[in-house]
Amino acid sequence: MDPIQVQPPVENYANPKTCFFHVLFKASALAFYILSTLFVSSFVIIFVVTVLLAALDFWVVKNVSGRILVGLRWWNEIDDMGESVWKFESLDQESLTRINKKDSWLFWWTLYLTAAAWIILGIFSVIRFEADFLLVVAVCLSLSSANIIGFTKCQKDAKKQLQQFATQTFASRVSSTIQSAFSAV
């Protein structure tokens, strides 16, 4: 007899609608840019629609899917001195540990793969000597890169907060243990 092997349950996406829209805007900007020359003869329409789709992707990632899929949010402000200041928010440490692995994987991989796709399309524009299409790629790549930089900095900030939380928790446990040991004497 064959022993019955129990396989661990497969973790599904916790937020399938958010994942869908996270990928949809990235794919639509790339697909329109790639396929537009087959159907549209006006560069202005190609530029406007592609950049609009990339801007929608930027907004969805920055304000919706980043918050829901990985629990991170970032923005940039100009302070009173005229300096650029990055602001980061993340879920509390307990909630961050409960983030769905598939959601997180999809978020990070699509973020980086989209930027890589825009870089490849930029190389093709340079090879074909199409400076106008290179401009479209540059705008889309800059929007994609802004999200990569923002979320990477935000993730590092969240990890630093987690380390500080763990250090403070450990120090308070040791301190209370020592205090209780001396109070018992």
Protein backbone atom coordinates (compact mmCIF):
# COMPACT_ATOMS: atom_id res chain seq x y z
CA MET A 1 0.00 0.00 0.00
CA ASP A 2 1.11 3.48 -0.79
CA PRO A 3 1.21 5.74 2.20
CA ILE A 4 -1.03 8.75 1.80
CA GLN A 5 1.06 11.84 1.59
CA VAL A 6 -0.52 14.94 2.96
CA GLN A 7 0.62 18.03 1.13
CA PRO A 8 0.64 21.33 2.92
CA PRO A 9 -2.18 23.63 1.86
CA VAL A 10 -1.28 25.98 -0.96
CA GLU A 11 -1.43 29.59 0.11
CA ASN A 12 -3.71 31.58 -2.17
CA TYR A 13 -3.67 35.29 -2.82
CA ALA A 14 -5.27 37.10 0.09
CA ASN A 15 -6.25 40.06 -2.09
CA PRO A 16 -6.91 38.77 -5.60
CA LYS A 17 -8.69 41.93 -6.81
CA THR A 18 -5.86 44.15 -5.67
CA CYS A 19 -3.34 41.79 -7.28
CA PHE A 20 -5.35 41.88 -10.51
CA PHE A 21 -5.37 45.68 -10.70
CA HIS A 22 -1.73 45.84 -9.61
CA VAL A 23 -0.81 43.78 -12.67
CA LEU A 24 -3.50 45.19 -14.99
CA PHE A 25 -2.19 48.75 -15.18
CA LYS A 26 1.41 47.63 -15.62
CA ALA A 27 0.45 45.20 -18.37
CA SER A 28 -1.88 47.67 -20.08
CA ALA A 29 0.79 50.39 -20.28
CA LEU A 30 3.36 47.95 -21.65
CA ALA A 31 0.91 46.26 -24.03
CA PHE A 32 -0.43 49.53 -25.39
CA TYR A 33 3.09 50.85 -25.97
CA ILE A 34 4.19 47.67 -27.74
CA LEU A 35 1.03 47.16 -29.83
CA SER A 36 0.10 50.78 -30.48
CA THR A 37 2.28 51.18 -33.57
CA LEU A 38 0.20 48.46 -35.23
CA PHE A 39 -3.08 50.32 -34.74
CA VAL A 40 -2.31 53.99 -34.13
CA SER A 41 -0.36 56.25 -36.45
CA SER A 42 -0.24 59.33 -34.19
CA PHE A 43 2.73 59.56 -31.85
CA VAL A 44 0.83 62.05 -29.68
CA ILE A 45 -1.93 59.52 -28.98
CA ILE A 46 0.63 56.82 -28.23
CA PHE A 47 2.48 59.16 -25.88
CA VAL A 48 -0.61 60.41 -24.04
CA VAL A 49 -2.30 57.03 -23.60
CA THR A 50 0.89 55.19 -22.59
CA VAL A 51 1.89 57.86 -20.07
CA LEU A 52 -1.67 58.03 -18.73
CA LEU A 53 -1.70 54.24 -18.19
CA ALA A 54 1.74 54.41 -16.55
CA ALA A 55 0.55 57.25 -14.31
CA LEU A 56 -2.51 55.20 -13.31
CA ASP A 57 -0.17 52.31 -12.52
CA PHE A 58 2.03 54.63 -10.44
CA TRP A 59 -0.97 55.87 -8.46
CA VAL A 60 -2.48 52.41 -7.91
CA VAL A 61 0.84 50.96 -6.74
CA LYS A 62 1.75 53.90 -4.53
CA ASN A 63 -1.64 54.45 -2.91
CA VAL A 64 -3.53 51.15 -3.09
CA SER A 65 -1.62 47.96 -3.82
CA GLY A 66 1.48 48.93 -1.82
CA ARG A 67 -0.64 49.51 1.23
CA ILE A 68 -2.79 46.38 0.82
CA LEU A 69 -0.29 43.84 -0.56
CA VAL A 70 2.84 44.68 1.46
CA GLY A 71 1.59 47.07 4.15
CA LEU A 72 3.83 49.92 3.06
CA ARG A 73 3.17 53.52 2.05
CA TRP A 74 5.53 56.33 1.10
CA TRP A 75 5.41 59.92 -0.01
CA ASN A 76 7.76 62.84 -0.46
CA GLU A 77 7.29 66.31 1.01
CA ILE A 78 9.15 69.57 0.77
CA ASP A 79 9.81 71.00 4.22
CA ASP A 80 9.96 74.68 5.25
CA MET A 81 13.64 74.86 4.30
CA GLY A 82 12.91 73.65 0.76
CA GLU A 83 14.45 70.24 1.40
CA SER A 84 12.94 67.04 0.07
CA VAL A 85 11.84 64.76 2.92
CA TRP A 86 10.81 61.12 2.43
CA LYS A 87 7.97 59.92 4.65
CA PHE A 88 7.29 56.24 5.27
CA GLU A 89 4.43 54.33 6.86
CA SER A 90 4.12 50.64 7.51
CA LEU A 91 1.73 48.37 9.34
CA ASP A 92 2.58 47.52 12.91
CA GLN A 93 5.14 44.78 13.34
CA GLU A 94 2.62 42.07 14.15
CA SER A 95 0.56 42.88 11.04
CA LEU A 96 3.66 42.98 8.84
CA THR A 97 4.51 39.42 9.82
CA ARG A 98 1.04 38.34 8.67
CA ILE A 99 1.39 39.74 5.13
CA ASN A 100 0.46 37.11 2.54
CA LYS A 101 3.64 35.74 0.92
CA LYS A 102 2.08 35.39 -2.55
CA ASP A 103 0.74 38.93 -2.47
CA SER A 104 4.14 40.24 -1.42
CA TRP A 105 5.95 38.15 -4.04
CA LEU A 106 3.65 39.39 -6.81
CA PHE A 107 4.05 42.99 -5.67
CA TRP A 108 7.86 43.01 -5.62
CA TRP A 109 8.42 40.91 -8.75
CA THR A 110 6.02 42.91 -10.92
CA LEU A 111 7.52 46.14 -9.62
CA TYR A 112 11.01 45.11 -10.75
CA LEU A 113 9.99 43.26 -13.92
CA THR A 114 8.04 46.26 -15.20
CA ALA A 115 11.08 48.50 -14.81
CA ALA A 116 13.21 45.88 -16.57
CA ALA A 117 10.71 45.74 -19.44
CA TRP A 118 10.82 49.54 -19.82
CA ILE A 119 14.63 49.41 -19.87
CA ILE A 120 14.57 46.78 -22.63
CA LEU A 121 12.06 48.83 -24.62
CA GLY A 122 14.31 51.86 -24.14
CA ILE A 123 17.26 49.93 -25.55
CA PHE A 124 15.15 48.99 -28.58
CA SER A 125 14.22 52.67 -29.06
CA VAL A 126 17.90 53.63 -29.00
CA ILE A 127 18.83 50.87 -31.46
CA ARG A 128 16.06 51.99 -33.84
CA PHE A 129 17.03 55.68 -33.43
CA GLU A 130 13.53 56.61 -32.21
CA ALA A 131 14.13 59.45 -29.78
CA ASP A 132 10.42 60.25 -29.52
CA PHE A 133 9.58 56.74 -28.34
CA LEU A 134 12.58 56.89 -26.01
CA LEU A 135 10.87 59.86 -24.36
CA VAL A 136 7.76 57.74 -23.68
CA VAL A 137 9.91 55.00 -22.20
CA ALA A 138 11.85 57.50 -20.07
CA VAL A 139 8.65 58.91 -18.55
CA CYS A 140 7.25 55.43 -17.85
CA LEU A 141 10.57 54.21 -16.44
CA SER A 142 10.83 57.23 -14.16
CA LEU A 143 7.35 56.55 -12.74
CA SER A 144 8.20 52.88 -12.24
CA SER A 145 11.57 53.74 -10.69
CA ALA A 146 10.00 56.22 -8.28
CA ASN A 147 7.83 53.43 -6.88
CA ILE A 148 10.80 51.06 -6.65
CA ILE A 149 12.89 53.62 -4.77
CA GLY A 150 10.02 54.65 -2.50
CA PHE A 151 8.95 51.15 -1.55
CA THR A 152 12.52 49.89 -1.15
CA LYS A 153 13.31 52.75 1.24
CA CYS A 154 10.01 52.14 3.01
CA GLN A 155 10.77 48.43 3.42
CA LYS A 156 14.21 49.22 4.84
CA ASP A 157 12.62 51.68 7.26
CA ALA A 158 10.08 49.03 8.33
CA LYS A 159 12.87 46.49 8.91
CA LYS A 160 14.78 49.04 10.98
CA GLN A 161 11.66 49.67 13.07
CA LEU A 162 11.23 45.91 13.54
CA GLN A 163 14.82 45.59 14.77
CA GLN A 164 14.34 48.50 17.17
CA PHE A 165 11.09 46.96 18.43
CA ALA A 166 12.79 43.59 18.97
CA THR A 167 15.71 45.23 20.76
CA GLN A 168 13.41 47.26 23.01
CA THR A 169 11.26 44.22 23.77
CA PHE A 170 14.31 42.11 24.61
CA ALA A 171 15.81 44.87 26.76
CA SER A 172 12.56 45.39 28.68
CA ARG A 173 12.23 41.61 29.27
CA VAL A 174 15.80 41.38 30.57
CA SER A 175 15.28 44.47 32.71
CA SER A 176 12.04 43.17 34.23
CA THR A 177 13.64 39.76 34.86
CA ILE A 178 16.57 41.38 36.65
CA GLN A 179 14.26 43.63 38.66
CA SER A 180 12.08 40.71 39.70
CA ALA A 181 15.16 38.69 40.66
CA PHE A 182 16.45 41.46 42.94
CA SER A 183 13.02 42.24 44.39
CA ALA A 184 12.64 38.58 45.41
CA VAL A 185 15.88 38.75 47.40
